[in-house]
C-alpha atoms as a PDB file:
ATOM      1  CA  ILE A   1      51.342 -71.035   6.437  1.00  0.00           C
ATOM      2  CA  CYS A   2      47.839 -70.206   5.181  1.00  0.00           C
ATOM      3  CA  TYR A   3      46.911 -66.588   4.498  1.00  0.00           C
ATOM      4  CA  CYS A   4      43.166 -67.092   4.788  1.00  0.00           C
ATOM      5  CA  LEU A   5      40.859 -64.643   3.025  1.00  0.00           C
ATOM      6  CA  THR A   6      37.903 -66.592   4.443  1.00  0.00           C
ATOM      7  CA  PRO A   7      36.847 -70.198   4.950  1.00  0.00           C
ATOM      8  CA  THR A   8      34.918 -71.211   1.826  1.00  0.00           C
ATOM      9  CA  ARG A   9      31.585 -69.391   1.963  1.00  0.00           C
ATOM     10  CA  PHE A  10      29.329 -71.860   0.171  1.00  0.00           C
ATOM     11  CA  VAL A  11      30.693 -74.741   2.272  1.00  0.00           C
ATOM     12  CA  TRP A  12      30.509 -73.276   5.769  1.00  0.00           C
ATOM     13  CA  THR A  13      27.586 -70.843   5.380  1.00  0.00           C
ATOM     14  CA  PHE A  14      25.628 -72.839   2.833  1.00  0.00           C
ATOM     15  CA  GLU A  15      22.144 -71.807   3.964  1.00  0.00           C
ATOM     16  CA  GLU A  16      23.000 -68.107   3.679  1.00  0.00           C
ATOM     17  CA  TYR A  17      24.612 -68.712   0.291  1.00  0.00           C
ATOM     18  CA  ALA A  18      21.623 -70.726  -0.967  1.00  0.00           C
ATOM     19  CA  ALA A  19      19.124 -68.106   0.184  1.00  0.00           C
ATOM     20  CA  ARG A  20      21.120 -65.280  -1.394  1.00  0.00           C
ATOM     21  CA  GLU A  21      21.446 -67.138  -4.683  1.00  0.00           C
ATOM     22  CA  GLY A  22      17.785 -68.192  -4.682  1.00  0.00           C
ATOM     23  CA  LEU A  23      18.427 -71.937  -4.809  1.00  0.00           C
ATOM     24  CA  PRO A  24      15.133 -73.888  -4.715  1.00  0.00           C
ATOM     25  CA  GLY A  25      14.436 -76.136  -1.735  1.00  0.00           C
ATOM     26  CA  PRO A  26      14.880 -79.414  -3.656  1.00  0.00           C
ATOM     27  CA  VAL A  27      18.286 -78.255  -4.915  1.00  0.00           C
ATOM     28  CA  ARG A  28      19.366 -77.289  -1.400  1.00  0.00           C
ATOM     29  CA  ARG A  29      18.357 -80.676  -0.018  1.00  0.00           C
ATOM     30  CA  ALA A  30      20.080 -82.513  -2.851  1.00  0.00           C
ATOM     31  CA  LEU A  31      23.320 -80.639  -2.176  1.00  0.00           C
ATOM     32  CA  GLN A  32      23.393 -81.260   1.582  1.00  0.00           C
ATOM     33  CA  PRO A  33      25.336 -84.585   1.418  1.00  0.00           C
ATOM     34  CA  LEU A  34      27.940 -82.965  -0.835  1.00  0.00           C
ATOM     35  CA  ILE A  35      28.251 -79.966   1.483  1.00  0.00           C
ATOM     36  CA  ALA A  36      28.773 -82.270   4.481  1.00  0.00           C
ATOM     37  CA  LEU A  37      31.501 -84.114   2.562  1.00  0.00           C
ATOM     38  CA  LEU A  38      33.196 -80.850   1.562  1.00  0.00           C
ATOM     39  CA  ARG A  39      33.133 -79.622   5.159  1.00  0.00           C
ATOM     40  CA  ARG A  40      34.876 -82.751   6.394  1.00  0.00           C
ATOM     41  CA  TRP A  41      37.485 -82.500   3.625  1.00  0.00           C
ATOM     42  CA  ASP A  42      38.072 -78.793   4.252  1.00  0.00           C
ATOM     43  CA  TRP A  43      38.371 -79.281   8.021  1.00  0.00           C
ATOM     44  CA  ARG A  44      40.936 -82.058   7.610  1.00  0.00           C
ATOM     45  CA  ALA A  45      42.941 -79.905   5.197  1.00  0.00           C
ATOM     46  CA  ALA A  46      42.892 -77.053   7.724  1.00  0.00           C
ATOM     47  CA  GLN A  47      44.470 -79.287  10.379  1.00  0.00           C
ATOM     48  CA  ARG A  48      47.547 -79.699   8.169  1.00  0.00           C
ATOM     49  CA  VAL A  49      48.241 -75.954   8.215  1.00  0.00           C
ATOM     50  CA  THR A  50      51.177 -74.941  10.406  1.00  0.00           C
ATOM     51  CA  ARG A  51      50.052 -71.359  10.998  1.00  0.00           C
ATOM     52  CA  PHE A  52      46.904 -69.455   9.966  1.00  0.00           C
ATOM     53  CA  ILE A  53      46.912 -65.761   9.142  1.00  0.00           C
ATOM     54  CA  ALA A  54      43.484 -64.077   9.034  1.00  0.00           C
ATOM     55  CA  ILE A  55      42.743 -60.874   7.133  1.00  0.00           C
ATOM     56  CA  SER A  56      40.405 -59.441   9.806  1.00  0.00           C
ATOM     57  CA  ARG A  57      38.792 -60.152  13.155  1.00  0.00           C
ATOM     58  CA  GLU A  58      35.747 -61.426  11.280  1.00  0.00           C
ATOM     59  CA  VAL A  59      37.806 -64.030   9.419  1.00  0.00           C
ATOM     60  CA  GLN A  60      39.753 -64.886  12.569  1.00  0.00           C
ATOM     61  CA  ALA A  61      36.460 -65.755  14.283  1.00  0.00           C
ATOM     62  CA  ARG A  62      35.428 -67.952  11.351  1.00  0.00           C
ATOM     63  CA  ILE A  63      38.746 -69.827  11.392  1.00  0.00           C
ATOM     64  CA  ARG A  64      38.267 -70.509  15.100  1.00  0.00           C
ATOM     65  CA  ARG A  65      34.622 -71.515  14.652  1.00  0.00           C
ATOM     66  CA  PHE A  66      34.946 -73.731  11.590  1.00  0.00           C
ATOM     67  CA  TYR A  67      38.466 -75.131  11.931  1.00  0.00           C
ATOM     68  CA  GLY A  68      39.106 -74.953  15.673  1.00  0.00           C
ATOM     69  CA  ARG A  69      42.371 -73.138  14.976  1.00  0.00           C
ATOM     70  CA  GLU A  70      43.897 -69.935  16.275  1.00  0.00           C
ATOM     71  CA  SER A  71      45.294 -67.342  13.884  1.00  0.00           C
ATOM     72  CA  THR A  72      47.259 -64.123  13.645  1.00  0.00           C
ATOM     73  CA  ILE A  73      45.646 -61.100  11.976  1.00  0.00           C
ATOM     74  CA  ILE A  74      47.579 -59.401   9.193  1.00  0.00           C
ATOM     75  CA  TYR A  75      45.513 -56.992   7.140  1.00  0.00           C
ATOM     76  CA  PRO A  76      45.752 -57.171   3.328  1.00  0.00           C
ATOM     77  CA  PRO A  77      48.198 -54.730   1.721  1.00  0.00           C
ATOM     78  CA  VAL A  78      46.817 -51.496   0.328  1.00  0.00           C
ATOM     79  CA  ASP A  79      48.843 -49.209  -1.935  1.00  0.00           C
ATOM     80  CA  THR A  80      47.935 -46.109   0.049  1.00  0.00           C
ATOM     81  CA  ALA A  81      50.570 -43.966  -1.700  1.00  0.00           C
ATOM     82  CA  ARG A  82      48.367 -43.888  -4.823  1.00  0.00           C
ATOM     83  CA  PHE A  83      45.724 -41.874  -2.984  1.00  0.00           C
ATOM     84  CA  ARG A  84      45.867 -38.269  -1.818  1.00  0.00           C
ATOM     85  CA  PRO A  85      43.243 -35.864  -0.460  1.00  0.00           C
ATOM     86  CA  ALA A  86      41.918 -33.371  -2.994  1.00  0.00           C
ATOM     87  CA  PRO A  87      41.758 -29.605  -2.303  1.00  0.00           C
ATOM     88  CA  PHE A  88      37.975 -29.811  -2.747  1.00  0.00           C
ATOM     89  CA  HIS A  89      35.323 -32.484  -3.135  1.00  0.00           C
ATOM     90  CA  ASP A  90      32.033 -32.869  -4.963  1.00  0.00           C
ATOM     91  CA  ASP A  91      28.620 -33.743  -3.533  1.00  0.00           C
ATOM     92  CA  TYR A  92      28.360 -37.368  -4.648  1.00  0.00           C
ATOM     93  CA  TYR A  93      28.618 -40.412  -2.414  1.00  0.00           C
ATOM     94  CA  LEU A  94      30.633 -43.310  -3.795  1.00  0.00           C
ATOM     95  CA  ILE A  95      30.623 -47.103  -4.012  1.00  0.00           C
ATOM     96  CA  VAL A  96      33.393 -49.046  -5.766  1.00  0.00           C
ATOM     97  CA  SER A  97      32.478 -52.717  -5.883  1.00  0.00           C
ATOM     98  CA  ARG A  98      31.657 -55.813  -7.861  1.00  0.00           C
ATOM     99  CA  LEU A  99      27.899 -55.787  -8.353  1.00  0.00           C
ATOM    100  CA  VAL A 100      26.920 -59.122  -6.821  1.00  0.00           C
ATOM    101  CA  PRO A 101      24.080 -59.807  -4.356  1.00  0.00           C
ATOM    102  CA  TYR A 102      26.082 -60.323  -1.169  1.00  0.00           C
ATOM    103  CA  ARG A 103      27.623 -56.840  -1.449  1.00  0.00           C
ATOM    104  CA  ARG A 104      24.125 -55.430  -0.683  1.00  0.00           C
ATOM    105  CA  ILE A 105      24.433 -52.545  -3.127  1.00  0.00           C
ATOM    106  CA  ASP A 106      20.630 -52.702  -3.293  1.00  0.00           C
ATOM    107  CA  LEU A 107      20.464 -51.238   0.232  1.00  0.00           C
ATOM    108  CA  ALA A 108      22.443 -48.209  -0.879  1.00  0.00           C
ATOM    109  CA  VAL A 109      20.447 -47.733  -4.082  1.00  0.00           C
ATOM    110  CA  GLN A 110      17.167 -47.786  -2.162  1.00  0.00           C
ATOM    111  CA  ALA A 111      18.535 -45.495   0.559  1.00  0.00           C
ATOM    112  CA  PHE A 112      19.643 -42.896  -1.982  1.00  0.00           C
ATOM    113  CA  ASN A 113      16.295 -43.192  -3.742  1.00  0.00           C
ATOM    114  CA  LEU A 114      14.733 -42.167  -0.427  1.00  0.00           C
ATOM    115  CA  LEU A 115      17.220 -39.354   0.158  1.00  0.00           C
ATOM    116  CA  ARG A 116      17.335 -38.092  -3.437  1.00  0.00           C
ATOM    117  CA  LEU A 117      21.074 -37.565  -3.035  1.00  0.00           C
ATOM    118  CA  PRO A 118      23.703 -38.350  -5.686  1.00  0.00           C
ATOM    119  CA  LEU A 119      25.263 -41.819  -5.499  1.00  0.00           C
ATOM    120  CA  VAL A 120      27.970 -42.910  -7.953  1.00  0.00           C
ATOM    121  CA  ILE A 121      28.570 -46.653  -8.334  1.00  0.00           C
ATOM    122  CA  ALA A 122      31.777 -47.823 -10.002  1.00  0.00           C
ATOM    123  CA  GLY A 123      32.017 -51.488 -10.924  1.00  0.00           C
ATOM    124  CA  ASP A 124      30.151 -54.173 -12.805  1.00  0.00           C
ATOM    125  CA  GLY A 125      28.668 -57.593 -12.209  1.00  0.00           C
ATOM    126  CA  ARG A 126      25.668 -59.843 -12.672  1.00  0.00           C
ATOM    127  CA  ASP A 127      23.515 -57.811 -10.273  1.00  0.00           C
ATOM    128  CA  ARG A 128      23.811 -54.632 -12.344  1.00  0.00           C
ATOM    129  CA  PRO A 129      20.554 -55.033 -14.366  1.00  0.00           C
ATOM    130  CA  ARG A 130      18.537 -55.541 -11.167  1.00  0.00           C
ATOM    131  CA  LEU A 131      20.191 -52.563  -9.483  1.00  0.00           C
ATOM    132  CA  GLU A 132      19.713 -50.285 -12.487  1.00  0.00           C
ATOM    133  CA  ALA A 133      16.035 -51.255 -12.622  1.00  0.00           C
ATOM    134  CA  MET A 134      15.474 -50.113  -9.033  1.00  0.00           C
ATOM    135  CA  ALA A 135      17.683 -47.000  -9.194  1.00  0.00           C
ATOM    136  CA  GLY A 136      16.215 -43.518  -9.168  1.00  0.00           C
ATOM    137  CA  PRO A 137      17.506 -40.508 -11.115  1.00  0.00           C
ATOM    138  CA  THR A 138      20.183 -39.594  -8.547  1.00  0.00           C
ATOM    139  CA  VAL A 139      22.018 -42.937  -8.861  1.00  0.00           C
ATOM    140  CA  THR A 140      24.710 -43.190 -11.562  1.00  0.00           C
ATOM    141  CA  PHE A 141      26.398 -46.399 -12.744  1.00  0.00           C
ATOM    142  CA  LEU A 142      29.871 -45.927 -14.215  1.00  0.00           C
ATOM    143  CA  GLY A 143      30.622 -49.567 -14.979  1.00  0.00           C
ATOM    144  CA  ARG A 144      34.237 -50.660 -14.789  1.00  0.00           C
ATOM    145  CA  VAL A 145      36.550 -47.749 -14.018  1.00  0.00           C
ATOM    146  CA  PRO A 146      40.272 -47.893 -14.942  1.00  0.00           C
ATOM    147  CA  ASP A 147      42.555 -48.156 -11.924  1.00  0.00           C
ATOM    148  CA  ALA A 148      44.264 -44.920 -12.944  1.00  0.00           C
ATOM    149  CA  ASP A 149      40.975 -43.030 -12.500  1.00  0.00           C
ATOM    150  CA  LEU A 150      40.121 -44.380  -9.047  1.00  0.00           C
ATOM    151  CA  PRO A 151      42.272 -42.043  -6.899  1.00  0.00           C
ATOM    152  CA  ASP A 152      40.493 -38.960  -8.233  1.00  0.00           C
ATOM    153  CA  LEU A 153      37.085 -40.628  -7.920  1.00  0.00           C
ATOM    154  CA  PHE A 154      37.742 -41.434  -4.258  1.00  0.00           C
ATOM    155  CA  ALA A 155      39.277 -38.047  -3.425  1.00  0.00           C
ATOM    156  CA  ARG A 156      36.343 -36.048  -4.809  1.00  0.00           C
ATOM    157  CA  CYS A 157      33.496 -37.993  -3.178  1.00  0.00           C
ATOM    158  CA  ARG A 158      31.598 -36.599  -0.200  1.00  0.00           C
ATOM    159  CA  ALA A 159      31.840 -39.955   1.589  1.00  0.00           C
ATOM    160  CA  TYR A 160      32.329 -43.615   0.727  1.00  0.00           C
ATOM    161  CA  VAL A 161      29.452 -46.051   1.379  1.00  0.00           C
ATOM    162  CA  LEU A 162      29.943 -49.718   2.331  1.00  0.00           C
ATOM    163  CA  PRO A 163      26.477 -51.291   2.620  1.00  0.00           C
ATOM    164  CA  GLY A 164      27.400 -54.994   2.990  1.00  0.00           C
ATOM    165  CA  VAL A 165      29.523 -57.233   5.186  1.00  0.00           C
ATOM    166  CA  GLU A 166      33.066 -57.527   3.829  1.00  0.00           C
ATOM    167  CA  ASP A 167      35.705 -59.988   4.976  1.00  0.00           C
ATOM    168  CA  PHE A 168      38.097 -57.012   4.970  1.00  0.00           C
ATOM    169  CA  GLY A 169      37.290 -54.375   2.345  1.00  0.00           C
ATOM    170  CA  ILE A 170      40.048 -52.648   0.374  1.00  0.00           C
ATOM    171  CA  ALA A 171      37.911 -49.801  -1.005  1.00  0.00           C
ATOM    172  CA  PRO A 172      37.089 -48.211   2.389  1.00  0.00           C
ATOM    173  CA  VAL A 173      40.818 -48.041   3.128  1.00  0.00           C
ATOM    174  CA  GLN A 174      41.462 -46.453  -0.267  1.00  0.00           C
ATOM    175  CA  ALA A 175      38.766 -43.872   0.457  1.00  0.00           C
ATOM    176  CA  GLN A 176      40.392 -42.984   3.776  1.00  0.00           C
ATOM    177  CA  ALA A 177      43.821 -42.795   2.130  1.00  0.00           C
ATOM    178  CA  ALA A 178      42.217 -40.164  -0.122  1.00  0.00           C
ATOM    179  CA  GLY A 179      41.018 -38.295   2.969  1.00  0.00           C
ATOM    180  CA  ARG A 180      37.347 -39.244   2.708  1.00  0.00           C
ATOM    181  CA  PRO A 181      35.172 -40.719   5.479  1.00  0.00           C
ATOM    182  CA  VAL A 182      33.307 -44.021   5.281  1.00  0.00           C
ATOM    183  CA  ILE A 183      29.681 -44.857   6.075  1.00  0.00           C
ATOM    184  CA  ALA A 184      29.634 -48.629   6.628  1.00  0.00           C
ATOM    185  CA  PHE A 185      27.465 -51.445   7.885  1.00  0.00           C
ATOM    186  CA  GLY A 186      28.781 -52.138  11.370  1.00  0.00           C
ATOM    187  CA  ALA A 187      30.047 -55.678  10.883  1.00  0.00           C
ATOM    188  CA  GLY A 188      32.848 -57.619   9.224  1.00  0.00           C
ATOM    189  CA  GLY A 189      36.040 -55.957   8.092  1.00  0.00           C
ATOM    190  CA  ALA A 190      34.673 -52.435   8.538  1.00  0.00           C
ATOM    191  CA  LEU A 191      35.071 -52.904  12.287  1.00  0.00           C
ATOM    192  CA  ASP A 192      38.829 -53.179  11.672  1.00  0.00           C
ATOM    193  CA  THR A 193      39.220 -50.407   9.109  1.00  0.00           C
ATOM    194  CA  VAL A 194      36.821 -47.601  10.131  1.00  0.00           C
ATOM    195  CA  LEU A 195      37.142 -45.584  13.343  1.00  0.00           C
ATOM    196  CA  PRO A 196      33.597 -44.455  14.222  1.00  0.00           C
ATOM    197  CA  GLY A 197      33.416 -40.771  15.032  1.00  0.00           C
ATOM    198  CA  ARG A 198      36.910 -40.208  13.661  1.00  0.00           C
ATOM    199  CA  THR A 199      37.067 -41.587  10.106  1.00  0.00           C
ATOM    200  CA  GLY A 200      33.443 -42.491   9.509  1.00  0.00           C
ATOM    201  CA  THR A 201      30.329 -43.971  11.042  1.00  0.00           C
ATOM    202  CA  PHE A 202      28.315 -47.208  11.137  1.00  0.00           C
ATOM    203  CA  PHE A 203      24.715 -48.232  10.596  1.00  0.00           C
ATOM    204  CA  TYR A 204      23.552 -51.437  12.257  1.00  0.00           C
ATOM    205  CA  GLU A 205      20.279 -52.512  10.661  1.00  0.00           C
ATOM    206  CA  PRO A 206      20.572 -53.869   7.089  1.00  0.00           C
ATOM    207  CA  THR A 207      17.700 -51.768   5.759  1.00  0.00           C
ATOM    208  CA  PRO A 208      17.547 -48.801   3.368  1.00  0.00           C
ATOM    209  CA  GLU A 209      15.841 -46.746   6.066  1.00  0.00           C
ATOM    210  CA  ALA A 210      18.617 -47.341   8.611  1.00  0.00           C
ATOM    211  CA  LEU A 211      21.304 -46.407   6.097  1.00  0.00           C
ATOM    212  CA  ALA A 212      19.358 -43.333   4.982  1.00  0.00           C
ATOM    213  CA  GLU A 213      18.989 -42.141   8.576  1.00  0.00           C
ATOM    214  CA  VAL A 214      22.738 -42.390   9.212  1.00  0.00           C
ATOM    215  CA  ILE A 215      23.529 -40.548   5.970  1.00  0.00           C
ATOM    216  CA  ARG A 216      21.127 -37.765   7.000  1.00  0.00           C
ATOM    217  CA  SER A 217      22.734 -37.369  10.417  1.00  0.00           C
ATOM    218  CA  PHE A 218      26.402 -37.807   9.449  1.00  0.00           C
ATOM    219  CA  ASP A 219      28.390 -34.715   8.510  1.00  0.00           C
ATOM    220  CA  PRO A 220      31.466 -35.623   6.414  1.00  0.00           C
ATOM    221  CA  GLU A 221      32.770 -32.080   6.883  1.00  0.00           C
ATOM    222  CA  ALA A 222      33.269 -32.811  10.589  1.00  0.00           C
ATOM    223  CA  VAL A 223      35.862 -35.488   9.750  1.00  0.00           C
ATOM    224  CA  ASP A 224      39.514 -34.466   9.513  1.00  0.00           C
ATOM    225  CA  PRO A 225      40.890 -35.762   6.184  1.00  0.00           C
ATOM    226  CA  GLN A 226      44.334 -36.202   7.739  1.00  0.00           C
ATOM    227  CA  GLU A 227      42.851 -38.453  10.415  1.00  0.00           C
ATOM    228  CA  CYS A 228      41.538 -40.643   7.602  1.00  0.00           C
ATOM    229  CA  VAL A 229      44.956 -40.662   5.935  1.00  0.00           C
ATOM    230  CA  ARG A 230      46.688 -41.647   9.179  1.00  0.00           C
ATOM    231  CA  ASN A 231      44.246 -44.470   9.763  1.00  0.00           C
ATOM    232  CA  ALA A 232      44.705 -45.793   6.218  1.00  0.00           C
ATOM    233  CA  ALA A 233      48.476 -45.907   6.745  1.00  0.00           C
ATOM    234  CA  ARG A 234      47.963 -48.833   9.143  1.00  0.00           C
ATOM    235  CA  PHE A 235      47.128 -50.954   6.101  1.00  0.00           C
ATOM    236  CA  ASP A 236      49.962 -49.908   3.811  1.00  0.00           C
ATOM    237  CA  ARG A 237      51.941 -52.515   1.874  1.00  0.00           C
ATOM    238  CA  SER A 238      55.072 -51.839   3.916  1.00  0.00           C
ATOM    239  CA  VAL A 239      53.220 -52.759   7.131  1.00  0.00           C
ATOM    240  CA  PHE A 240      51.965 -55.974   5.530  1.00  0.00           C
ATOM    241  CA  GLN A 241      55.450 -56.990   4.405  1.00  0.00           C
ATOM    242  CA  GLU A 242      56.967 -56.369   7.827  1.00  0.00           C
ATOM    243  CA  GLN A 243      54.251 -58.318   9.634  1.00  0.00           C
ATOM    244  CA  VAL A 244      54.393 -61.299   7.270  1.00  0.00           C
ATOM    245  CA  ARG A 245      58.157 -61.570   7.708  1.00  0.00           C
ATOM    246  CA  ALA A 246      57.695 -61.553  11.489  1.00  0.00           C
ATOM    247  CA  VAL A 247      55.037 -64.283  11.422  1.00  0.00           C
ATOM    248  CA  VAL A 248      57.104 -66.487   9.110  1.00  0.00           C
ATOM    249  CA  ALA A 249      60.111 -66.156  11.406  1.00  0.00           C
ATOM    250  CA  GLN A 250      57.964 -66.930  14.447  1.00  0.00           C
ATOM    251  CA  ALA A 251      56.375 -69.962  12.768  1.00  0.00           C
ATOM    252  CA  VAL A 252      59.792 -71.363  11.906  1.00  0.00           C
ATOM    253  CA  SER A 253      61.037 -70.971  15.469  1.00  0.00           C
ATOM    254  CA  GLN A 254      57.895 -71.861  17.455  1.00  0.00           C
ATOM    255  CA  GLY A 255      55.741 -74.088  15.267  1.00  0.00           C
ATOM    256  CA  PRO A 256      51.943 -73.990  14.883  1.00  0.00           C
ATOM    257  CA  LEU A 257      49.334 -72.125  16.890  1.00  0.00           C
ATOM    258  CA  ARG A 258      46.760 -74.795  17.607  1.00  0.00           C
ATOM    259  CA  ALA A 259      43.582 -75.356  19.529  1.00  0.00           C
ATOM    260  CA  ALA A 260      42.467 -78.915  20.219  1.00  0.00           C
ATOM    261  CA  PRO A 261      41.099 -80.155  16.856  1.00  0.00           C
ATOM    262  CA  HIS A 262      37.400 -80.877  17.081  1.00  0.00           C
ATOM    263  CA  MET A 263      35.007 -80.718  14.182  1.00  0.00           C
ATOM    264  CA  THR A 264      31.455 -79.512  14.708  1.00  0.00           C
ATOM    265  CA  LEU A 265      29.086 -79.597  11.751  1.00  0.00           C
END
């Protein structure tokens, strides 16, 4: 049984990966034979899996597209009991993330530069110098934050911001467990974890202007914190454990879920 976080990004979406990482054209062309070899190897390995479990609808679609295999969705476990709504919140918006290019933190930084609203970014990574260079005075970088401090940070934010496409996204669930709404790019795991109009809202164009417009129009005070908490409970560790046990038992009794294997490069 394979609990698949995602098919390997740099193998199956190499052009996107190369563009994001700024690989020169000659390097991309030189790597193409290796990428083709890795795809064939990865596809063959995937055919030996008895049962795939995907962490989101986004990953389920990739498993079907790249491996020709069906899968069951079981969301990653979140320790929702650590998070509780606060009696009051502050005015800052929050991001908790590794600072790497594909997370698109740059969109949020530029949007909050336009809005002149407070954005707090917790986390570190190789993209931090670039992000700090573009950040205006209302954007604060905390660096790495101890796990023990995260519940309070989530509970006191005005809203959580998810500017990139996540395979699943633990932090938006943690924010909702703390009673706070989520403003997310409308793709990837956010489509599984955020209920638009009830626990947050989406923006659909990956531009600072589109994100800024949604932040302007979205009122976090109109969201019921308890609705967020109830939604987050769907992703609790106890739910994960129960669902995994059920899939294991089903796999033992029924065997693999398969589509006809056919590799398309």
